[in-house]
Amino acid sequence: MKYYLIVGEASGDLHASHLMRALKDIDAEADFRFFGGDLMTAVGGTRVRHYKELAYMGFIPVLLHLPTILRNMKMCQQDITTWQPDCVILVDYPGFNLKIAEYVKSRTNIPVYYYISPKIWAWKEHRIKNIRRDVDELFSILPFEVDFFEKKHHYPIHYVGNPTADEVKKFMRNVECGMWKEKCVIALLAGSRKQEIKDNLPAMLEAVEGLEKDYRIVIAGAPGIEPIYYNRFTRGREVEIVFNETYPLLSRAHAALVTSGTATLETCLFGVPQVVCYKVPLPKIAGFVRRKLLKVKYISLVNLVADREVVKELVETFSVANIRYELHQILAGKAREQMLEGYQEVARRLGDQKAPDTAARLIVESLNIKH
């Protein structure tokens, strides 16, 4: 069968490449055409556009590149119509992908599947109308989304397992011992973008001052950020930085300071107690806006999955003193043990399903019924 996939960022390229491999395992005749990246290209098929031509984040960058985005969207729509795939598979990236879904549903009979459902539970909940109208099957990688879509909006979805949990388990099965054995490690994961690093890393580094004699302080360098960028923050400090070694780092860490995102879930799955640190401008105002606009109580995936506070989130209360205090709480003692117990609950809720394998099986079964 012919599968048309669309991703808009690096994480989507990774998840889609695993899904493509799983589809090939089931469907030996699988033919792929896609908007994607290098990982998807390595699996095979025809890449129409690289996701880097789509990946504009934030209001101003999107506005500045709007003509390019609209051109790519029109080209994608026409390409789907011309190629006539058996299905379209959208991966995250809702701003672009929901427009594609609307077009495909209104102009063709091609089924639309959405892998890694849009996070409308956080904001833009009104998008449920588009999803209900334009998406045939929705595949979630977060267990709490099932209640949101099915109980609140009466829209059935599939929870297929969590890819991050798959990746961590795979790494842990193959991990080699011996890395950084002489000292315990405190890992600093300060985000993947320059602005996040600039906002969070200086406070993280101040918070760990004085711990260098007992711990190795190691920064997980973000992909795509040049090492020299970190020098302005690390100069004169007893700190190390590693690139492309986040999982080896977490597998040896005793504790971590983490900027919110998938990294909080990865840190949890490695069993590393953490403090979630996310600096925002004008925190009191930002907190008020967050309470009014966002529909969730927490910002970290750990707490969202657990549906309670397992890890401490310092957003409105972000400060060097608070980071230092919370870090010391989890280096030893009761708070550390309570967090590790909470992590077990998170892992249990995520389950053991392999997300790409489950999603691929459901997609092929659905297509076989339609044919």
Protein backbone atom coordinates (compact mmCIF):
# COMPACT_ATOMS: atom_id res chain seq x y z
CA MET A 1 0.00 0.00 0.00
CA LYS A 2 0.97 3.64 -0.47
CA TYR A 3 1.55 5.74 2.65
CA TYR A 4 1.96 9.53 2.64
CA LEU A 5 3.54 10.86 5.86
CA ILE A 6 3.99 14.46 7.02
CA VAL A 7 6.23 15.64 9.86
CA GLY A 8 7.42 19.13 10.71
CA GLU A 9 10.30 18.74 13.14
CA ALA A 10 13.17 16.50 14.26
CA SER A 11 11.16 14.54 16.83
CA GLY A 12 8.51 13.80 14.22
CA ASP A 13 11.20 12.53 11.84
CA LEU A 14 12.38 10.12 14.54
CA HIS A 15 8.92 8.82 15.45
CA ALA A 16 7.80 8.57 11.82
CA SER A 17 10.92 6.61 10.84
CA HIS A 18 10.11 3.99 13.51
CA LEU A 19 6.51 3.87 12.32
CA MET A 20 7.65 3.37 8.72
CA ARG A 21 9.86 0.45 9.73
CA ALA A 22 6.96 -1.10 11.62
CA LEU A 23 4.69 -0.67 8.57
CA LYS A 24 7.30 -2.37 6.36
CA ASP A 25 7.41 -5.31 8.77
CA ILE A 26 3.66 -5.81 8.27
CA ASP A 27 3.29 -4.66 4.66
CA ALA A 28 6.14 -5.88 2.44
CA GLU A 29 4.79 -3.74 -0.42
CA ALA A 30 4.77 -0.52 1.62
CA ASP A 31 5.57 2.50 -0.55
CA PHE A 32 6.33 5.78 1.22
CA ARG A 33 6.19 9.38 0.10
CA PHE A 34 6.72 12.06 2.69
CA PHE A 35 7.52 15.49 4.04
CA GLY A 36 10.22 14.43 6.50
CA GLY A 37 13.86 14.23 7.41
CA ASP A 38 17.03 12.18 7.15
CA LEU A 39 15.83 9.35 9.40
CA MET A 40 12.73 8.79 7.28
CA THR A 41 14.84 9.00 4.13
CA ALA A 42 17.06 6.22 5.48
CA VAL A 43 14.04 3.92 5.76
CA GLY A 44 13.17 4.42 2.10
CA GLY A 45 10.63 6.03 -0.20
CA THR A 46 10.47 9.48 -1.76
CA ARG A 47 11.09 12.61 0.26
CA VAL A 48 9.17 15.55 -1.23
CA ARG A 49 10.40 18.21 1.22
CA HIS A 50 12.73 18.22 4.21
CA TYR A 51 11.00 19.14 7.46
CA LYS A 52 13.52 21.97 7.95
CA GLU A 53 11.63 23.83 5.22
CA LEU A 54 8.54 23.70 7.45
CA ALA A 55 9.97 23.99 10.96
CA TYR A 56 9.18 27.56 11.98
CA MET A 57 8.20 27.92 15.65
CA GLY A 58 6.70 30.96 17.36
CA PHE A 59 4.49 33.78 16.13
CA ILE A 60 7.14 36.03 14.56
CA PRO A 61 9.11 33.32 12.66
CA VAL A 62 5.85 31.88 11.31
CA LEU A 63 4.68 35.33 10.22
CA LEU A 64 7.98 36.10 8.51
CA HIS A 65 7.98 32.80 6.63
CA LEU A 66 4.24 32.64 5.95
CA PRO A 67 4.56 32.73 2.13
CA THR A 68 6.97 29.77 2.25
CA ILE A 69 4.71 27.84 4.61
CA LEU A 70 1.66 28.45 2.45
CA ARG A 71 3.57 27.44 -0.70
CA ASN A 72 4.65 24.20 0.94
CA MET A 73 1.14 23.53 2.17
CA LYS A 74 -0.33 24.00 -1.32
CA MET A 75 2.37 21.83 -2.83
CA CYS A 76 1.72 19.12 -0.26
CA GLN A 77 -2.02 19.19 -0.95
CA GLN A 78 -1.50 18.92 -4.70
CA ASP A 79 1.10 16.17 -4.29
CA ILE A 80 -1.28 14.06 -2.22
CA THR A 81 -4.04 14.50 -4.79
CA THR A 82 -1.69 13.53 -7.63
CA TRP A 83 -0.09 10.51 -5.91
CA GLN A 84 -3.37 9.18 -4.50
CA PRO A 85 -2.00 7.27 -1.49
CA ASP A 86 -3.99 4.65 0.38
CA CYS A 87 -3.76 6.87 3.45
CA VAL A 88 -2.22 10.04 4.84
CA ILE A 89 -0.39 9.74 8.17
CA LEU A 90 0.14 12.99 10.08
CA VAL A 91 2.74 13.11 12.85
CA ASP A 92 2.31 15.82 15.52
CA TYR A 93 2.90 19.38 14.10
CA PRO A 94 -0.81 20.37 14.30
CA GLY A 95 -0.65 23.90 12.87
CA PHE A 96 0.32 22.52 9.45
CA ASN A 97 -1.08 19.01 9.66
CA LEU A 98 -4.64 19.87 10.65
CA LYS A 99 -4.87 22.09 7.56
CA ILE A 100 -3.71 19.15 5.45
CA ALA A 101 -6.29 16.91 7.13
CA GLU A 102 -9.04 19.42 6.33
CA TYR A 103 -8.02 19.54 2.69
CA VAL A 104 -7.72 15.76 2.29
CA LYS A 105 -11.07 15.12 3.95
CA SER A 106 -12.92 17.76 1.94
CA ARG A 107 -11.40 16.94 -1.47
CA THR A 108 -10.68 13.19 -1.46
CA ASN A 109 -11.76 9.85 0.00
CA ILE A 110 -8.27 9.15 1.37
CA PRO A 111 -8.34 8.14 5.07
CA VAL A 112 -6.39 10.34 7.48
CA TYR A 113 -4.52 8.87 10.46
CA TYR A 114 -2.91 11.03 13.13
CA TYR A 115 0.08 9.55 14.97
CA ILE A 116 1.04 11.47 18.15
CA SER A 117 -2.14 13.39 18.75
CA PRO A 118 -2.15 17.20 19.01
CA LYS A 119 -1.86 18.40 22.60
CA ILE A 120 -5.16 20.26 22.58
CA TRP A 121 -5.64 19.38 26.26
CA ALA A 122 -3.01 22.05 27.01
CA TRP A 123 -4.41 24.78 24.78
CA LYS A 124 -6.44 25.33 21.59
CA GLU A 125 -9.04 22.85 22.75
CA HIS A 126 -11.33 24.14 20.00
CA ARG A 127 -9.29 22.05 17.54
CA ILE A 128 -11.33 19.03 18.63
CA LYS A 129 -13.91 20.13 16.01
CA ASN A 130 -11.34 19.82 13.23
CA ILE A 131 -10.06 16.51 14.54
CA ARG A 132 -13.56 15.06 14.83
CA ARG A 133 -14.39 16.17 11.28
CA ASP A 134 -11.11 15.43 9.47
CA VAL A 135 -9.25 12.60 11.24
CA ASP A 136 -10.31 8.96 10.81
CA GLU A 137 -8.14 7.46 13.56
CA LEU A 138 -6.14 9.20 16.30
CA PHE A 139 -3.14 7.53 17.96
CA SER A 140 -1.99 8.82 21.35
CA ILE A 141 1.35 8.30 23.10
CA LEU A 142 0.17 9.74 26.45
CA PRO A 143 -2.26 7.63 28.50
CA PHE A 144 -4.12 10.55 30.09
CA GLU A 145 -5.23 11.71 26.63
CA VAL A 146 -7.69 8.82 26.45
CA ASP A 147 -9.93 10.31 29.14
CA PHE A 148 -9.61 13.77 27.64
CA PHE A 149 -10.72 12.74 24.16
CA GLU A 150 -13.13 9.93 25.03
CA LYS A 151 -14.78 11.07 28.25
CA LYS A 152 -14.74 14.81 27.73
CA HIS A 153 -15.22 14.97 23.97
CA HIS A 154 -16.66 11.53 23.16
CA TYR A 155 -14.10 11.00 20.42
CA PRO A 156 -12.55 7.48 20.48
CA ILE A 157 -8.76 7.25 20.22
CA HIS A 158 -6.05 4.59 20.52
CA TYR A 159 -3.38 4.72 23.21
CA VAL A 160 -0.51 2.85 21.54
CA GLY A 161 2.26 3.16 24.13
CA ASN A 162 4.98 5.74 24.56
CA PRO A 163 7.98 5.92 22.16
CA THR A 164 10.21 7.53 24.79
CA ALA A 165 9.58 4.60 27.11
CA ASP A 166 10.46 2.26 24.21
CA GLU A 167 13.72 4.08 23.54
CA VAL A 168 14.81 4.17 27.19
CA LYS A 169 14.09 0.45 27.65
CA LYS A 170 16.03 -0.36 24.48
CA PHE A 171 18.99 1.69 25.68
CA MET A 172 18.97 0.17 29.16
CA ARG A 173 19.04 -3.35 27.69
CA ASN A 174 22.24 -2.50 25.82
CA VAL A 175 23.90 -0.08 28.25
CA GLU A 176 27.51 -0.69 29.18
CA CYS A 177 28.71 -0.02 32.71
CA GLY A 178 31.81 1.97 33.60
CA MET A 179 30.94 5.54 32.62
CA TRP A 180 31.96 8.19 35.19
CA LYS A 181 32.28 5.69 38.04
CA GLU A 182 34.50 7.71 40.34
CA LYS A 183 31.88 10.32 41.32
CA CYS A 184 28.12 10.59 41.35
CA VAL A 185 26.81 12.82 38.58
CA ILE A 186 24.38 15.72 38.65
CA ALA A 187 23.01 16.19 35.15
CA LEU A 188 21.88 19.57 33.81
CA LEU A 189 19.37 19.43 30.94
CA ALA A 190 18.71 23.08 30.18
CA GLY A 191 16.59 22.80 27.04
CA SER A 192 17.04 22.37 23.32
CA ARG A 193 16.86 25.98 22.13
CA LYS A 194 19.26 28.86 22.74
CA GLN A 195 16.69 31.00 24.54
CA GLU A 196 15.84 28.15 26.94
CA ILE A 197 19.53 27.55 27.65
CA LYS A 198 20.17 31.26 28.19
CA ASP A 199 17.21 31.50 30.59
CA ASN A 200 17.77 28.33 32.61
CA LEU A 201 21.41 27.24 32.59
CA PRO A 202 22.95 30.15 34.57
CA ALA A 203 20.59 29.56 37.49
CA MET A 204 21.17 25.81 37.34
CA LEU A 205 24.94 26.34 37.48
CA GLU A 206 24.63 28.72 40.44
CA ALA A 207 22.41 26.22 42.24
CA VAL A 208 25.05 23.46 42.07
CA GLU A 209 27.94 25.64 43.26
CA GLY A 210 29.76 23.94 46.11
CA LEU A 211 28.73 20.43 45.10
CA GLU A 212 31.67 19.92 42.73
CA LYS A 213 33.81 18.15 45.34
CA ASP A 214 31.24 15.37 45.73
CA TYR A 215 29.59 15.29 42.29
CA ARG A 216 30.53 15.68 38.65
CA ILE A 217 28.41 18.42 37.14
CA VAL A 218 27.64 17.46 33.54
CA ILE A 219 25.58 19.43 31.00
CA ALA A 220 23.71 17.56 28.28
CA GLY A 221 24.51 19.61 25.18
CA ALA A 222 21.53 20.11 22.89
CA PRO A 223 21.69 18.82 19.30
CA GLY A 224 22.21 21.65 16.85
CA ILE A 225 23.67 24.02 19.46
CA GLU A 226 27.37 24.65 18.91
CA PRO A 227 29.67 23.93 21.91
CA ILE A 228 31.00 27.49 21.87
CA TYR A 229 27.53 28.77 22.82
CA TYR A 230 27.85 27.10 26.23
CA ASN A 231 31.24 28.71 26.95
CA ARG A 232 29.73 32.00 28.10
CA PHE A 233 27.93 30.13 30.89
CA THR A 234 30.56 27.54 31.86
CA ARG A 235 33.74 29.64 31.74
CA GLY A 236 35.60 29.38 35.06
CA ARG A 237 33.33 26.66 36.42
CA GLU A 238 34.17 23.04 37.22
CA VAL A 239 31.63 21.60 34.82
CA GLU A 240 31.65 19.29 31.81
CA ILE A 241 29.49 19.12 28.71
CA VAL A 242 28.65 16.12 26.55
CA PHE A 243 26.89 15.99 23.20
CA ASN A 244 24.81 13.12 21.82
CA GLU A 245 25.19 11.29 25.14
CA THR A 246 22.05 12.26 27.04
CA TYR A 247 20.98 8.66 27.67
CA PRO A 248 24.45 7.54 28.84
CA LEU A 249 24.50 10.63 31.07
CA LEU A 250 21.10 9.90 32.59
CA SER A 251 21.98 6.23 33.07
CA ARG A 252 24.77 7.35 35.45
CA ALA A 253 23.18 10.43 37.05
CA HIS A 254 22.30 10.64 40.75
CA ALA A 255 20.03 13.67 40.28
CA ALA A 256 19.15 16.17 37.56
CA LEU A 257 17.95 19.71 36.93
CA VAL A 258 15.70 19.62 33.89
CA THR A 259 13.91 22.15 31.73
CA SER A 260 10.39 20.96 30.97
CA GLY A 261 9.75 18.82 27.90
CA THR A 262 10.32 15.22 26.86
CA ALA A 263 13.54 15.35 28.92
CA THR A 264 11.49 15.27 32.14
CA LEU A 265 9.93 11.97 31.08
CA GLU A 266 13.30 10.55 29.97
CA THR A 267 14.83 11.50 33.32
CA CYS A 268 11.94 9.80 35.13
CA LEU A 269 12.26 6.60 33.10
CA PHE A 270 15.97 6.41 33.93
CA GLY A 271 15.04 6.63 37.62
CA VAL A 272 16.87 9.91 38.21
CA PRO A 273 15.27 12.26 40.78
CA GLN A 274 14.85 15.72 39.24
CA VAL A 275 13.84 19.30 39.73
CA VAL A 276 11.96 20.84 36.81
CA CYS A 277 13.21 24.39 36.20
CA TYR A 278 11.60 26.72 33.68
CA LYS A 279 12.26 30.42 33.83
CA VAL A 280 9.60 32.71 32.39
CA PRO A 281 9.61 36.52 32.10
CA LEU A 282 7.46 38.31 34.68
CA PRO A 283 6.58 35.05 36.46
CA LYS A 284 3.51 36.35 38.35
CA ILE A 285 1.94 37.69 35.16
CA ALA A 286 2.97 34.57 33.26
CA GLY A 287 1.43 32.45 36.00
CA PHE A 288 -1.86 34.34 35.74
CA VAL A 289 -1.90 33.96 31.94
CA ARG A 290 -1.03 30.27 32.25
CA ARG A 291 -3.92 29.65 34.64
CA LYS A 292 -6.32 31.44 32.29
CA LEU A 293 -5.15 29.95 28.96
CA LEU A 294 -3.70 26.54 29.75
CA LYS A 295 -6.05 23.74 30.66
CA VAL A 296 -3.58 21.67 32.70
CA LYS A 297 -2.27 21.81 36.26
CA TYR A 298 1.31 20.82 35.43
CA ILE A 299 3.96 21.52 32.80
CA SER A 300 6.04 18.34 33.12
CA LEU A 301 5.01 15.12 31.42
CA VAL A 302 5.90 13.22 34.61
CA ASN A 303 3.23 15.00 36.63
CA LEU A 304 0.74 15.00 33.77
CA VAL A 305 1.00 11.22 33.38
CA ALA A 306 0.84 10.63 37.15
CA ASP A 307 -1.97 13.20 37.53
CA ARG A 308 -0.28 14.46 40.69
CA GLU A 309 2.91 16.24 41.74
CA VAL A 310 5.68 13.65 41.57
CA VAL A 311 8.43 16.12 40.65
CA LYS A 312 8.77 19.69 41.85
CA GLU A 313 8.08 22.27 39.12
CA LEU A 314 9.74 25.64 39.57
CA VAL A 315 8.06 28.02 37.13
CA GLU A 316 6.44 30.90 38.99
CA THR A 317 8.78 30.07 41.91
CA PHE A 318 11.91 29.80 39.74
CA SER A 319 14.99 31.07 41.62
CA VAL A 320 18.53 29.91 42.38
CA ALA A 321 17.64 29.48 46.05
CA ASN A 322 14.59 27.35 45.31
CA ILE A 323 16.46 25.20 42.79
CA ARG A 324 19.26 24.63 45.30
CA TYR A 325 16.80 23.77 48.06
CA GLU A 326 14.79 21.29 45.97
CA LEU A 327 17.98 19.70 44.62
CA HIS A 328 19.31 19.06 48.11
CA GLN A 329 15.97 17.47 49.03
CA ILE A 330 16.37 14.79 46.35
CA LEU A 331 20.08 14.03 46.77
CA ALA A 332 19.20 11.75 49.70
CA GLY A 333 16.43 10.98 52.14
CA LYS A 334 12.65 10.68 52.12
CA ALA A 335 11.91 13.10 49.26
CA ARG A 336 14.21 11.10 46.99
CA GLU A 337 12.52 7.80 47.86
CA GLN A 338 9.04 9.29 47.39
CA MET A 339 9.97 10.57 43.93
CA LEU A 340 11.37 7.20 42.88
CA GLU A 341 8.13 5.53 44.03
CA GLY A 342 6.18 8.05 41.94
CA TYR A 343 8.33 7.17 38.93
CA GLN A 344 7.21 3.54 39.22
CA GLU A 345 3.60 4.70 38.94
CA VAL A 346 4.43 6.73 35.81
CA ALA A 347 6.13 3.73 34.19
CA ARG A 348 3.14 1.52 35.02
CA ARG A 349 0.72 4.00 33.44
CA LEU A 350 2.82 4.23 30.26
CA GLY A 351 2.66 0.45 29.90
CA ASP A 352 4.70 -1.95 27.77
CA GLN A 353 3.23 -1.46 24.29
CA LYS A 354 5.65 -0.56 21.50
CA ALA A 355 4.06 2.55 20.06
CA PRO A 356 5.15 2.29 16.38
CA ASP A 357 4.36 -1.43 16.21
CA THR A 358 0.90 -1.00 17.73
CA ALA A 359 0.07 2.03 15.55
CA ALA A 360 1.29 0.28 12.38
CA ARG A 361 -0.83 -2.79 13.10
CA LEU A 362 -3.95 -0.68 13.72
CA ILE A 363 -3.38 1.37 10.55
CA VAL A 364 -2.97 -1.70 8.34
CA GLU A 365 -6.00 -3.39 9.92
CA SER A 366 -8.08 -0.28 9.30
CA LEU A 367 -6.92 -0.03 5.68
CA ASN A 368 -7.68 -3.71 5.06
CA ILE A 369 -11.25 -3.14 6.30
CA LYS A 370 -11.64 -0.09 4.05
CA HIS A 371 -10.38 -2.04 1.04
